[in-house]
N, C-alpha and C. Protein backbone atom coordinates (compact mmCIF):
# COMPACT_ATOMS: atom_id res chain seq x y z
N UNK A 1 0.87 -1.24 -0.01
CA UNK A 1 -0.01 0.00 0.00
C UNK A 1 0.85 1.23 0.01
N UNK A 2 0.59 2.23 -0.85
CA UNK A 2 1.41 3.42 -0.97
C UNK A 2 1.13 4.36 0.19
N UNK A 3 2.23 4.82 0.76
CA UNK A 3 2.15 5.80 1.88
C UNK A 3 1.52 7.08 1.42
N UNK A 4 0.49 7.51 2.18
CA UNK A 4 -0.24 8.71 1.76
C UNK A 4 0.64 9.97 1.93
N UNK A 5 1.71 9.93 2.75
CA UNK A 5 2.54 11.11 2.91
C UNK A 5 3.29 11.42 1.65
N UNK A 6 3.30 10.51 0.65
CA UNK A 6 3.99 10.79 -0.56
C UNK A 6 3.38 12.00 -1.32
N UNK A 7 2.11 12.21 -1.00
CA UNK A 7 1.40 13.33 -1.70
C UNK A 7 1.36 14.65 -0.85
N UNK A 8 2.05 14.60 0.27
CA UNK A 8 2.06 15.75 1.21
C UNK A 8 3.41 16.42 1.14
N UNK A 9 3.47 17.54 0.36
CA UNK A 9 4.75 18.18 0.18
C UNK A 9 5.04 19.18 1.25
N UNK A 10 6.33 19.69 1.22
CA UNK A 10 6.72 20.68 2.23
C UNK A 10 5.87 21.94 2.04
N UNK A 11 5.60 22.29 0.79
CA UNK A 11 4.78 23.46 0.53
C UNK A 11 3.36 23.35 1.14
N UNK A 12 2.82 22.10 1.05
CA UNK A 12 1.48 21.87 1.64
C UNK A 12 1.56 22.08 3.20
N UNK A 13 2.64 21.58 3.80
CA UNK A 13 2.78 21.69 5.26
C UNK A 13 2.91 23.17 5.68
N UNK A 14 3.73 23.95 4.97
CA UNK A 14 3.89 25.34 5.29
C UNK A 14 2.58 26.12 5.13
N UNK A 15 1.85 25.81 4.03
CA UNK A 15 0.58 26.47 3.77
C UNK A 15 -0.41 26.20 4.90
N UNK A 16 -0.47 24.97 5.35
CA UNK A 16 -1.45 24.60 6.43
C UNK A 16 -1.02 25.27 7.71
N UNK A 17 0.28 25.28 8.02
CA UNK A 17 0.78 25.88 9.24
C UNK A 17 0.42 27.39 9.27
N UNK A 18 0.73 28.08 8.18
CA UNK A 18 0.44 29.51 8.08
C UNK A 18 -1.03 29.82 8.27
N UNK A 19 -1.84 29.05 7.55
CA UNK A 19 -3.28 29.25 7.64
C UNK A 19 -3.81 28.99 9.02
N UNK A 20 -3.27 27.99 9.70
CA UNK A 20 -3.68 27.64 11.04
C UNK A 20 -3.31 28.71 12.05
N UNK A 21 -2.12 29.29 11.90
CA UNK A 21 -1.66 30.35 12.76
C UNK A 21 -2.47 31.60 12.57
N UNK A 22 -2.84 31.93 11.34
CA UNK A 22 -3.66 33.11 11.09
C UNK A 22 -5.05 32.93 11.67
N UNK A 23 -5.59 31.71 11.53
CA UNK A 23 -6.93 31.47 12.06
C UNK A 23 -6.97 31.58 13.58
N UNK A 24 -5.86 31.02 14.20
CA UNK A 24 -5.79 31.07 15.65
C UNK A 24 -5.66 32.56 16.15
N UNK A 25 -4.84 33.29 15.44
CA UNK A 25 -4.68 34.73 15.88
C UNK A 25 -5.97 35.49 15.73
N UNK A 26 -6.67 35.23 14.61
CA UNK A 26 -7.97 35.92 14.36
C UNK A 26 -8.99 35.50 15.41
N UNK A 27 -9.01 34.22 15.71
CA UNK A 27 -9.96 33.76 16.71
C UNK A 27 -9.69 34.37 18.07
N UNK A 28 -8.42 34.40 18.49
CA UNK A 28 -8.08 34.95 19.78
C UNK A 28 -8.50 36.43 19.90
N UNK A 29 -8.28 37.21 18.85
CA UNK A 29 -8.60 38.61 18.85
C UNK A 29 -10.14 38.78 18.85
N UNK A 30 -10.82 37.89 18.12
CA UNK A 30 -12.27 38.00 18.07
C UNK A 30 -12.90 37.67 19.40
N UNK A 31 -12.27 36.78 20.17
CA UNK A 31 -12.80 36.39 21.43
C UNK A 31 -12.55 37.37 22.59
N UNK A 32 -11.75 38.40 22.29
CA UNK A 32 -11.45 39.40 23.33
C UNK A 32 -12.70 40.16 23.72
N UNK A 33 -12.82 40.53 24.97
CA UNK A 33 -13.99 41.29 25.42
C UNK A 33 -14.26 42.51 24.55
N UNK A 34 -15.53 42.83 24.34
CA UNK A 34 -15.87 43.91 23.41
C UNK A 34 -15.42 45.25 24.00
N UNK A 35 -15.59 45.44 25.32
CA UNK A 35 -15.27 46.71 25.94
C UNK A 35 -13.97 46.62 26.68
N UNK A 36 -12.90 47.11 26.06
CA UNK A 36 -11.58 47.11 26.74
C UNK A 36 -11.11 48.52 26.93
N UNK A 37 -11.95 49.49 26.97
CA UNK A 37 -11.51 50.89 27.11
C UNK A 37 -11.34 51.28 28.57
N UNK A 38 -10.38 52.19 28.82
CA UNK A 38 -10.09 52.63 30.18
C UNK A 38 -9.82 54.13 30.12
N UNK A 39 -10.09 54.87 31.20
CA UNK A 39 -9.84 56.28 31.20
C UNK A 39 -8.29 56.57 31.22
N UNK A 40 -7.92 57.60 30.55
CA UNK A 40 -6.50 57.94 30.45
C UNK A 40 -6.38 59.42 30.54
N UNK A 41 -5.59 59.92 31.48
CA UNK A 41 -5.37 61.33 31.64
C UNK A 41 -3.97 61.68 31.16
N UNK A 42 -3.82 62.57 30.28
CA UNK A 42 -2.50 62.96 29.76
C UNK A 42 -2.42 64.46 29.54
N UNK A 43 -1.22 65.03 29.76
CA UNK A 43 -0.97 66.38 29.39
C UNK A 43 -0.08 66.38 28.16
N UNK A 44 -0.62 66.76 27.05
CA UNK A 44 0.09 66.68 25.80
C UNK A 44 0.32 68.08 25.21
N UNK A 45 1.58 68.41 25.01
CA UNK A 45 1.95 69.71 24.50
C UNK A 45 1.31 70.88 25.30
N UNK A 46 1.22 70.66 26.59
CA UNK A 46 0.70 71.72 27.47
C UNK A 46 -0.79 71.68 27.67
N UNK A 47 -1.52 70.78 26.99
CA UNK A 47 -3.00 70.72 27.10
C UNK A 47 -3.40 69.44 27.73
N UNK A 48 -4.39 69.50 28.63
CA UNK A 48 -4.91 68.35 29.30
C UNK A 48 -5.88 67.55 28.43
N UNK A 49 -5.70 66.24 28.42
CA UNK A 49 -6.62 65.36 27.68
C UNK A 49 -7.13 64.27 28.61
N UNK A 50 -8.39 63.95 28.50
CA UNK A 50 -9.03 62.88 29.19
C UNK A 50 -9.80 62.02 28.19
N UNK A 51 -9.33 60.85 27.93
CA UNK A 51 -9.98 60.02 26.87
C UNK A 51 -10.19 58.59 27.35
N UNK A 52 -11.07 57.91 26.73
CA UNK A 52 -11.29 56.48 26.93
C UNK A 52 -10.50 55.75 25.85
N UNK A 53 -9.58 54.88 26.22
CA UNK A 53 -8.70 54.28 25.29
C UNK A 53 -8.66 52.76 25.45
N UNK A 54 -8.60 52.02 24.33
CA UNK A 54 -8.45 50.61 24.35
C UNK A 54 -7.12 50.25 25.03
N UNK A 55 -7.18 49.23 25.90
CA UNK A 55 -5.98 48.88 26.64
C UNK A 55 -4.82 48.43 25.75
N UNK A 56 -5.09 48.07 24.52
CA UNK A 56 -4.06 47.60 23.59
C UNK A 56 -3.51 48.71 22.71
N UNK A 57 -3.96 49.89 22.84
CA UNK A 57 -3.57 50.99 21.99
C UNK A 57 -2.25 51.58 22.42
N UNK A 58 -1.31 51.69 21.46
CA UNK A 58 -0.02 52.28 21.80
C UNK A 58 -0.16 53.83 21.89
N UNK A 59 0.83 54.41 22.57
CA UNK A 59 0.86 55.88 22.63
C UNK A 59 0.93 56.47 21.23
N UNK A 60 1.68 55.87 20.34
CA UNK A 60 1.79 56.34 18.96
C UNK A 60 0.41 56.36 18.28
N UNK A 61 -0.29 55.22 18.34
CA UNK A 61 -1.55 55.20 17.67
C UNK A 61 -2.61 56.14 18.32
N UNK A 62 -2.50 56.27 19.61
CA UNK A 62 -3.42 57.26 20.27
C UNK A 62 -3.20 58.64 19.75
N UNK A 63 -1.90 59.03 19.65
CA UNK A 63 -1.57 60.38 19.18
C UNK A 63 -2.11 60.59 17.78
N UNK A 64 -1.81 59.62 16.91
CA UNK A 64 -2.16 59.77 15.51
C UNK A 64 -3.60 59.52 15.17
N UNK A 65 -4.15 58.49 15.76
CA UNK A 65 -5.54 58.07 15.35
C UNK A 65 -6.61 58.67 16.26
N UNK A 66 -6.35 58.74 17.52
CA UNK A 66 -7.38 59.21 18.43
C UNK A 66 -7.38 60.75 18.60
N UNK A 67 -6.14 61.33 18.59
CA UNK A 67 -6.05 62.75 18.81
C UNK A 67 -5.59 63.52 17.62
N UNK A 68 -5.49 62.88 16.45
CA UNK A 68 -5.15 63.56 15.18
C UNK A 68 -3.95 64.41 15.27
N UNK A 69 -2.89 63.86 15.87
CA UNK A 69 -1.58 64.51 15.88
C UNK A 69 -0.63 63.71 15.00
N UNK A 70 -0.55 63.98 13.74
CA UNK A 70 0.16 63.18 12.82
C UNK A 70 1.64 63.51 12.73
N UNK A 71 2.12 64.51 13.48
CA UNK A 71 3.52 64.81 13.41
C UNK A 71 4.42 63.68 13.83
N UNK A 72 4.00 62.89 14.81
CA UNK A 72 4.76 61.71 15.20
C UNK A 72 4.54 60.61 14.22
N UNK A 73 5.59 60.09 13.68
CA UNK A 73 5.49 59.16 12.51
C UNK A 73 5.56 57.70 12.92
N UNK A 74 4.83 56.90 12.19
CA UNK A 74 4.90 55.46 12.38
C UNK A 74 5.83 54.95 11.28
N UNK A 75 7.00 54.38 11.72
CA UNK A 75 7.92 53.81 10.77
C UNK A 75 7.94 52.31 10.78
N UNK A 76 8.81 51.70 11.55
CA UNK A 76 8.90 50.25 11.61
C UNK A 76 7.84 49.69 12.47
N UNK A 77 7.36 50.41 13.49
CA UNK A 77 6.37 49.96 14.49
C UNK A 77 6.98 48.85 15.37
N UNK A 78 8.28 48.79 15.43
CA UNK A 78 8.97 47.78 16.24
C UNK A 78 10.05 48.43 17.12
N UNK A 79 10.10 49.75 17.27
CA UNK A 79 11.08 50.39 18.11
C UNK A 79 12.51 50.40 17.55
N UNK A 80 12.63 50.25 16.24
CA UNK A 80 13.97 50.17 15.67
C UNK A 80 14.39 51.38 14.86
N UNK A 81 13.48 52.21 14.44
CA UNK A 81 13.82 53.33 13.54
C UNK A 81 13.85 54.71 14.20
N UNK A 82 13.08 54.87 15.32
CA UNK A 82 13.07 56.13 16.01
C UNK A 82 12.12 57.19 15.47
N UNK A 83 11.38 56.89 14.36
CA UNK A 83 10.50 57.91 13.75
C UNK A 83 9.41 58.31 14.72
N UNK A 84 9.09 57.48 15.66
CA UNK A 84 7.96 57.72 16.55
C UNK A 84 8.42 58.37 17.88
N UNK A 85 9.61 58.82 17.96
CA UNK A 85 10.17 59.34 19.22
C UNK A 85 9.38 60.56 19.72
N UNK A 86 8.98 60.51 20.94
CA UNK A 86 8.35 61.61 21.66
C UNK A 86 9.02 61.77 23.01
N UNK A 87 8.63 62.87 23.70
CA UNK A 87 9.21 63.07 25.04
C UNK A 87 8.08 62.79 26.06
N UNK A 88 8.43 61.97 27.06
CA UNK A 88 7.45 61.71 28.16
C UNK A 88 8.15 62.13 29.47
N UNK A 89 7.59 63.15 30.09
CA UNK A 89 8.24 63.75 31.24
C UNK A 89 9.69 64.14 31.00
N UNK A 90 9.87 64.60 29.72
CA UNK A 90 11.15 65.13 29.32
C UNK A 90 12.12 64.12 28.82
N UNK A 91 11.79 62.83 28.89
CA UNK A 91 12.70 61.78 28.43
C UNK A 91 12.16 61.17 27.12
N UNK A 92 13.07 60.83 26.20
CA UNK A 92 12.71 60.34 24.88
C UNK A 92 12.32 58.87 24.95
N UNK A 93 11.25 58.47 24.31
CA UNK A 93 10.82 57.14 24.18
C UNK A 93 10.34 56.81 22.79
N UNK A 94 10.33 55.54 22.41
CA UNK A 94 9.67 55.09 21.21
C UNK A 94 8.19 54.92 21.54
N UNK A 95 7.37 55.75 20.99
CA UNK A 95 5.93 55.67 21.37
C UNK A 95 5.25 54.47 20.76
N UNK A 96 5.84 53.81 19.81
CA UNK A 96 5.24 52.60 19.25
C UNK A 96 5.38 51.40 20.19
N UNK A 97 6.29 51.50 21.16
CA UNK A 97 6.55 50.41 22.11
C UNK A 97 5.90 50.67 23.47
N UNK A 98 5.19 51.74 23.63
CA UNK A 98 4.61 52.14 24.90
C UNK A 98 3.11 52.20 24.75
N UNK A 99 2.41 51.45 25.55
CA UNK A 99 0.91 51.51 25.56
C UNK A 99 0.49 52.92 26.11
N UNK A 100 -0.60 53.40 25.55
CA UNK A 100 -1.08 54.70 26.00
C UNK A 100 -1.35 54.76 27.49
N UNK A 101 -1.93 53.64 28.02
CA UNK A 101 -2.26 53.61 29.42
C UNK A 101 -1.03 53.57 30.35
N UNK A 102 0.06 53.15 29.82
CA UNK A 102 1.31 53.17 30.60
C UNK A 102 1.73 54.60 30.93
N UNK A 103 1.23 55.54 30.17
CA UNK A 103 1.64 56.92 30.35
C UNK A 103 0.58 57.76 31.01
N UNK A 104 -0.37 57.11 31.62
CA UNK A 104 -1.49 57.81 32.32
C UNK A 104 -0.88 58.74 33.35
N UNK A 105 -1.30 59.99 33.33
CA UNK A 105 -0.80 60.99 34.26
C UNK A 105 0.52 61.62 33.89
N UNK A 106 1.07 61.22 32.76
CA UNK A 106 2.39 61.76 32.31
C UNK A 106 2.17 63.02 31.48
N UNK A 107 3.32 63.71 31.24
CA UNK A 107 3.32 64.87 30.36
C UNK A 107 4.07 64.49 29.09
N UNK A 108 3.43 64.60 27.96
CA UNK A 108 3.97 64.18 26.66
C UNK A 108 4.20 65.39 25.82
N UNK A 109 5.34 65.41 25.11
CA UNK A 109 5.65 66.44 24.17
C UNK A 109 5.93 65.83 22.84
N UNK A 110 5.22 66.21 21.84
CA UNK A 110 5.44 65.75 20.44
C UNK A 110 6.11 66.86 19.66
N UNK A 111 6.37 66.57 18.41
CA UNK A 111 6.97 67.64 17.57
C UNK A 111 6.10 68.85 17.47
N UNK A 112 4.77 68.64 17.54
CA UNK A 112 3.83 69.81 17.45
C UNK A 112 3.99 70.72 18.69
N UNK A 113 4.49 70.19 19.79
CA UNK A 113 4.66 70.96 20.99
C UNK A 113 5.96 71.63 21.16
N UNK A 114 6.95 71.35 20.30
CA UNK A 114 8.24 71.99 20.41
C UNK A 114 8.31 73.37 19.85
N UNK A 115 7.59 73.64 18.83
CA UNK A 115 7.65 74.92 18.20
C UNK A 115 6.48 75.11 17.22
N UNK A 116 6.35 76.30 16.72
CA UNK A 116 5.29 76.59 15.77
C UNK A 116 5.96 77.09 14.46
N UNK A 117 5.22 77.12 13.35
CA UNK A 117 5.82 77.65 12.10
C UNK A 117 6.34 79.05 12.28
N UNK A 118 5.69 79.85 13.15
CA UNK A 118 6.08 81.22 13.33
C UNK A 118 7.25 81.35 14.36
N UNK A 119 7.30 80.38 15.26
CA UNK A 119 8.36 80.43 16.34
C UNK A 119 8.93 78.99 16.50
N UNK A 120 9.88 78.67 15.59
CA UNK A 120 10.49 77.38 15.59
C UNK A 120 11.35 77.18 16.87
N UNK A 121 11.43 75.92 17.28
CA UNK A 121 12.36 75.57 18.36
C UNK A 121 13.75 75.68 17.77
N UNK A 122 14.76 76.03 18.62
CA UNK A 122 16.12 76.20 18.07
C UNK A 122 16.61 74.95 17.35
N UNK A 123 16.19 73.75 17.74
CA UNK A 123 16.65 72.56 17.10
C UNK A 123 15.97 72.44 15.71
N UNK A 124 14.74 72.89 15.59
CA UNK A 124 14.06 72.89 14.28
C UNK A 124 14.75 73.84 13.35
N UNK A 125 15.11 75.04 13.84
CA UNK A 125 15.82 76.00 13.05
C UNK A 125 17.16 75.44 12.58
N UNK A 126 17.87 74.77 13.46
CA UNK A 126 19.15 74.23 13.14
C UNK A 126 19.08 73.17 12.06
N UNK A 127 18.05 72.34 12.13
CA UNK A 127 17.87 71.34 11.11
C UNK A 127 17.60 71.98 9.75
N UNK A 128 16.87 73.06 9.67
CA UNK A 128 16.65 73.71 8.41
C UNK A 128 17.97 74.40 7.95
N UNK A 129 18.65 75.10 8.82
CA UNK A 129 19.83 75.80 8.48
C UNK A 129 20.97 74.85 8.02
N UNK A 130 21.00 73.65 8.56
CA UNK A 130 22.09 72.67 8.23
C UNK A 130 21.70 71.65 7.23
N UNK A 131 20.49 71.88 6.58
CA UNK A 131 20.06 70.90 5.59
C UNK A 131 20.06 69.50 6.14
N UNK A 132 19.50 69.34 7.33
CA UNK A 132 19.54 68.06 8.08
C UNK A 132 18.30 67.18 7.76
N UNK A 133 17.66 67.39 6.63
CA UNK A 133 16.51 66.53 6.28
C UNK A 133 16.40 66.54 4.77
N UNK A 134 15.83 65.42 4.29
CA UNK A 134 15.47 65.32 2.89
C UNK A 134 13.99 65.01 2.73
N UNK A 135 13.62 63.73 2.83
CA UNK A 135 12.19 63.43 2.72
C UNK A 135 11.43 63.97 3.92
N UNK A 136 12.10 64.07 5.10
CA UNK A 136 11.44 64.66 6.28
C UNK A 136 10.66 63.65 7.18
N UNK A 137 10.55 62.41 6.70
CA UNK A 137 9.68 61.49 7.46
C UNK A 137 10.25 61.24 8.88
N UNK A 138 11.55 61.05 8.97
CA UNK A 138 12.15 60.75 10.25
C UNK A 138 12.40 62.00 11.12
N UNK A 139 12.27 63.17 10.49
CA UNK A 139 12.71 64.41 11.11
C UNK A 139 12.00 64.73 12.45
N UNK A 140 10.72 64.52 12.59
CA UNK A 140 10.09 64.80 13.90
C UNK A 140 10.76 63.96 15.04
N UNK A 141 10.92 62.70 14.72
CA UNK A 141 11.61 61.84 15.74
C UNK A 141 13.04 62.23 15.98
N UNK A 142 13.76 62.61 14.95
CA UNK A 142 15.14 63.07 15.07
C UNK A 142 15.21 64.28 16.00
N UNK A 143 14.29 65.25 15.78
CA UNK A 143 14.36 66.50 16.50
C UNK A 143 14.01 66.25 17.95
N UNK A 144 12.92 65.51 18.20
CA UNK A 144 12.55 65.18 19.58
C UNK A 144 13.71 64.46 20.30
N UNK A 145 14.30 63.52 19.62
CA UNK A 145 15.41 62.74 20.22
C UNK A 145 16.60 63.67 20.50
N UNK A 146 16.92 64.58 19.58
CA UNK A 146 18.04 65.45 19.75
C UNK A 146 17.85 66.41 20.96
N UNK A 147 16.65 66.92 21.08
CA UNK A 147 16.35 67.79 22.25
C UNK A 147 16.58 67.09 23.58
N UNK A 148 16.03 65.89 23.64
CA UNK A 148 16.15 65.05 24.85
C UNK A 148 17.62 64.69 25.11
N UNK A 149 18.32 64.39 24.01
CA UNK A 149 19.71 63.97 24.14
C UNK A 149 20.58 65.06 24.72
N UNK A 150 20.38 66.30 24.28
CA UNK A 150 21.16 67.42 24.83
C UNK A 150 20.88 67.61 26.35
N UNK A 151 19.66 67.32 26.74
CA UNK A 151 19.33 67.42 28.15
C UNK A 151 20.02 66.29 28.93
N UNK A 152 20.12 65.11 28.31
CA UNK A 152 20.81 63.97 28.97
C UNK A 152 22.34 64.36 29.14
N UNK A 153 22.88 64.99 28.12
CA UNK A 153 24.32 65.42 28.21
C UNK A 153 24.44 66.43 29.36
N UNK A 154 23.51 67.39 29.39
CA UNK A 154 23.56 68.43 30.47
C UNK A 154 23.56 67.79 31.86
N UNK A 155 22.80 66.71 31.99
CA UNK A 155 22.69 66.05 33.26
C UNK A 155 23.84 65.13 33.53
N UNK A 156 24.79 64.99 32.59
CA UNK A 156 25.96 64.18 32.76
C UNK A 156 25.81 62.70 32.47
N UNK A 157 24.80 62.30 31.74
CA UNK A 157 24.59 60.91 31.42
C UNK A 157 25.61 60.44 30.35
N UNK A 158 26.42 59.42 30.63
CA UNK A 158 27.40 58.99 29.66
C UNK A 158 26.83 58.15 28.61
N UNK A 159 27.55 57.98 27.46
CA UNK A 159 27.19 57.08 26.43
C UNK A 159 28.21 55.96 26.29
N UNK A 160 28.07 55.08 25.36
CA UNK A 160 29.02 54.03 25.18
C UNK A 160 30.39 54.49 24.71
N UNK A 161 30.47 55.71 24.19
CA UNK A 161 31.79 56.20 23.76
C UNK A 161 32.35 57.32 24.62
N UNK A 162 31.66 57.64 25.76
CA UNK A 162 32.18 58.65 26.63
C UNK A 162 33.50 58.19 27.25
N UNK A 163 34.51 59.00 27.08
CA UNK A 163 35.89 58.62 27.52
C UNK A 163 36.02 58.71 29.06
N UNK A 164 35.49 59.80 29.61
CA UNK A 164 35.63 59.99 31.08
C UNK A 164 34.31 59.73 31.78
N UNK A 165 34.24 58.69 32.57
CA UNK A 165 32.98 58.33 33.23
C UNK A 165 32.85 58.96 34.65
N UNK A 166 33.77 59.87 34.96
CA UNK A 166 33.67 60.51 36.25
C UNK A 166 32.34 61.26 36.35
N UNK A 167 31.72 61.12 37.51
CA UNK A 167 30.41 61.74 37.70
C UNK A 167 30.47 63.26 37.67
N UNK A 168 31.68 63.83 37.82
CA UNK A 168 31.80 65.27 37.85
C UNK A 168 32.37 65.84 36.57
N UNK A 169 32.66 64.95 35.62
CA UNK A 169 33.33 65.40 34.34
C UNK A 169 32.26 65.94 33.44
N UNK A 170 32.64 67.10 32.76
CA UNK A 170 31.79 67.60 31.70
C UNK A 170 32.00 66.75 30.46
N UNK A 171 30.88 66.41 29.81
CA UNK A 171 30.96 65.57 28.64
C UNK A 171 31.34 66.41 27.43
N UNK A 172 32.33 65.99 26.72
CA UNK A 172 32.77 66.63 25.50
C UNK A 172 31.90 66.07 24.35
N UNK A 173 30.97 66.89 23.90
CA UNK A 173 30.03 66.41 22.89
C UNK A 173 30.65 66.42 21.49
N UNK A 174 31.46 65.43 21.26
CA UNK A 174 32.13 65.26 19.97
C UNK A 174 31.11 64.71 18.98
N UNK A 175 31.54 64.69 17.69
CA UNK A 175 30.68 64.11 16.65
C UNK A 175 30.44 62.66 16.96
N UNK A 176 31.38 61.92 17.47
CA UNK A 176 31.19 60.51 17.84
C UNK A 176 30.17 60.37 18.95
N UNK A 177 30.24 61.29 19.91
CA UNK A 177 29.22 61.26 20.98
C UNK A 177 27.81 61.47 20.38
N UNK A 178 27.69 62.41 19.50
CA UNK A 178 26.37 62.71 18.88
C UNK A 178 25.88 61.51 18.11
N UNK A 179 26.77 60.94 17.32
CA UNK A 179 26.31 59.78 16.49
C UNK A 179 25.90 58.60 17.36
N UNK A 180 26.64 58.33 18.40
CA UNK A 180 26.29 57.28 19.31
C UNK A 180 24.93 57.55 20.01
N UNK A 181 24.78 58.69 20.48
CA UNK A 181 23.56 59.05 21.23
C UNK A 181 22.35 59.11 20.34
N UNK A 182 22.56 59.34 19.06
CA UNK A 182 21.43 59.43 18.11
C UNK A 182 21.31 58.17 17.31
N UNK A 183 21.97 57.11 17.66
CA UNK A 183 21.99 55.91 16.85
C UNK A 183 20.65 55.18 16.81
N UNK A 184 19.74 55.53 17.71
CA UNK A 184 18.42 54.92 17.69
C UNK A 184 17.46 55.57 16.68
N UNK A 185 17.94 56.60 16.06
CA UNK A 185 17.11 57.30 15.04
C UNK A 185 17.75 57.14 13.64
N UNK A 186 17.01 56.46 12.80
CA UNK A 186 17.53 56.13 11.47
C UNK A 186 16.99 57.09 10.47
N UNK A 187 17.85 57.51 9.52
CA UNK A 187 17.43 58.37 8.40
C UNK A 187 17.74 57.60 7.14
N UNK A 188 16.70 57.17 6.40
CA UNK A 188 16.88 56.39 5.22
C UNK A 188 17.50 57.24 4.08
N UNK A 189 17.33 58.57 4.19
CA UNK A 189 17.90 59.46 3.20
C UNK A 189 19.37 59.69 3.47
N UNK A 190 19.83 59.25 4.60
CA UNK A 190 21.25 59.41 5.03
C UNK A 190 21.71 60.86 5.15
N UNK A 191 20.86 61.68 5.82
CA UNK A 191 21.22 63.06 6.07
C UNK A 191 21.97 63.24 7.38
N UNK A 192 22.76 62.26 7.70
CA UNK A 192 23.43 62.21 9.01
C UNK A 192 24.43 63.33 9.20
N UNK A 193 25.15 63.72 8.15
CA UNK A 193 26.11 64.82 8.26
C UNK A 193 25.41 66.11 8.70
N UNK A 194 24.29 66.44 8.07
CA UNK A 194 23.53 67.61 8.44
C UNK A 194 22.94 67.51 9.80
N UNK A 195 22.48 66.28 10.24
CA UNK A 195 21.91 66.11 11.55
C UNK A 195 22.94 66.35 12.61
N UNK A 196 24.10 65.76 12.47
CA UNK A 196 25.16 65.96 13.42
C UNK A 196 25.53 67.46 13.53
N UNK A 197 25.62 68.13 12.37
CA UNK A 197 26.00 69.55 12.34
C UNK A 197 24.89 70.38 13.04
N UNK A 198 23.63 70.02 12.84
CA UNK A 198 22.53 70.77 13.48
C UNK A 198 22.59 70.59 15.00
N UNK A 199 22.78 69.41 15.47
CA UNK A 199 22.83 69.17 16.93
C UNK A 199 24.06 69.88 17.53
N UNK A 200 25.17 69.82 16.83
CA UNK A 200 26.41 70.47 17.28
C UNK A 200 26.22 71.97 17.44
N UNK A 201 25.53 72.56 16.44
CA UNK A 201 25.32 74.03 16.48
C UNK A 201 24.45 74.43 17.67
N UNK A 202 23.41 73.64 17.93
CA UNK A 202 22.54 73.96 19.08
C UNK A 202 23.32 73.80 20.40
N UNK A 203 24.11 72.75 20.46
CA UNK A 203 24.91 72.48 21.68
C UNK A 203 25.86 73.62 21.95
N UNK A 204 26.46 74.16 20.89
CA UNK A 204 27.39 75.29 21.05
C UNK A 204 26.71 76.55 21.49
N UNK A 205 25.48 76.78 21.00
CA UNK A 205 24.71 77.96 21.38
C UNK A 205 24.33 77.88 22.89
N UNK A 206 24.00 76.67 23.30
CA UNK A 206 23.65 76.46 24.72
C UNK A 206 24.84 76.67 25.63
N UNK A 207 25.99 76.30 25.11
CA UNK A 207 27.24 76.39 25.90
C UNK A 207 27.75 77.85 25.98
N UNK A 208 27.35 78.64 24.98
CA UNK A 208 27.89 80.01 24.90
C UNK A 208 27.38 80.90 26.00
């Protein structure tokens, strides 16, 4: 008698496995309770917000979809590109990796809150002056990250390339320091030379 497995190819197996996984994922999501919203209080760009939000909603999606603040960009959605960088209580985070409810009671600053077209933030002005952008998609995250990074330097936080780890040493913000500290923000257009120059110029103005 011929073994029936002779007619079962590797392609058949992969197809069945993928279909089964998709069906399981769909079933699990469909079985979730209908009402999963919770109250969330946030101060965003100086304005108080009180919303009901799905427990599974990321801070990024809440900003873009629920509050119509599209300045914060969705890039990889895996915390690898930095396009979604915002400031929470003054510290930079990848908003795609943070649930909205995790930030309940926090103060959030997005690119919309750093400056206005009429009154740009110094970092925004520096990016324009130093040609630190091309397509501009990563730029909001780059700028938010750069602002927070300079605050980290001011507070004496070392990086992987900081030569002197003494708690009382002033950090020499070299180009290598800037590149290392901004390594979580990717620019597909490769405008890195301009980005480093923009950050350096703002750092020098602050030091003057």
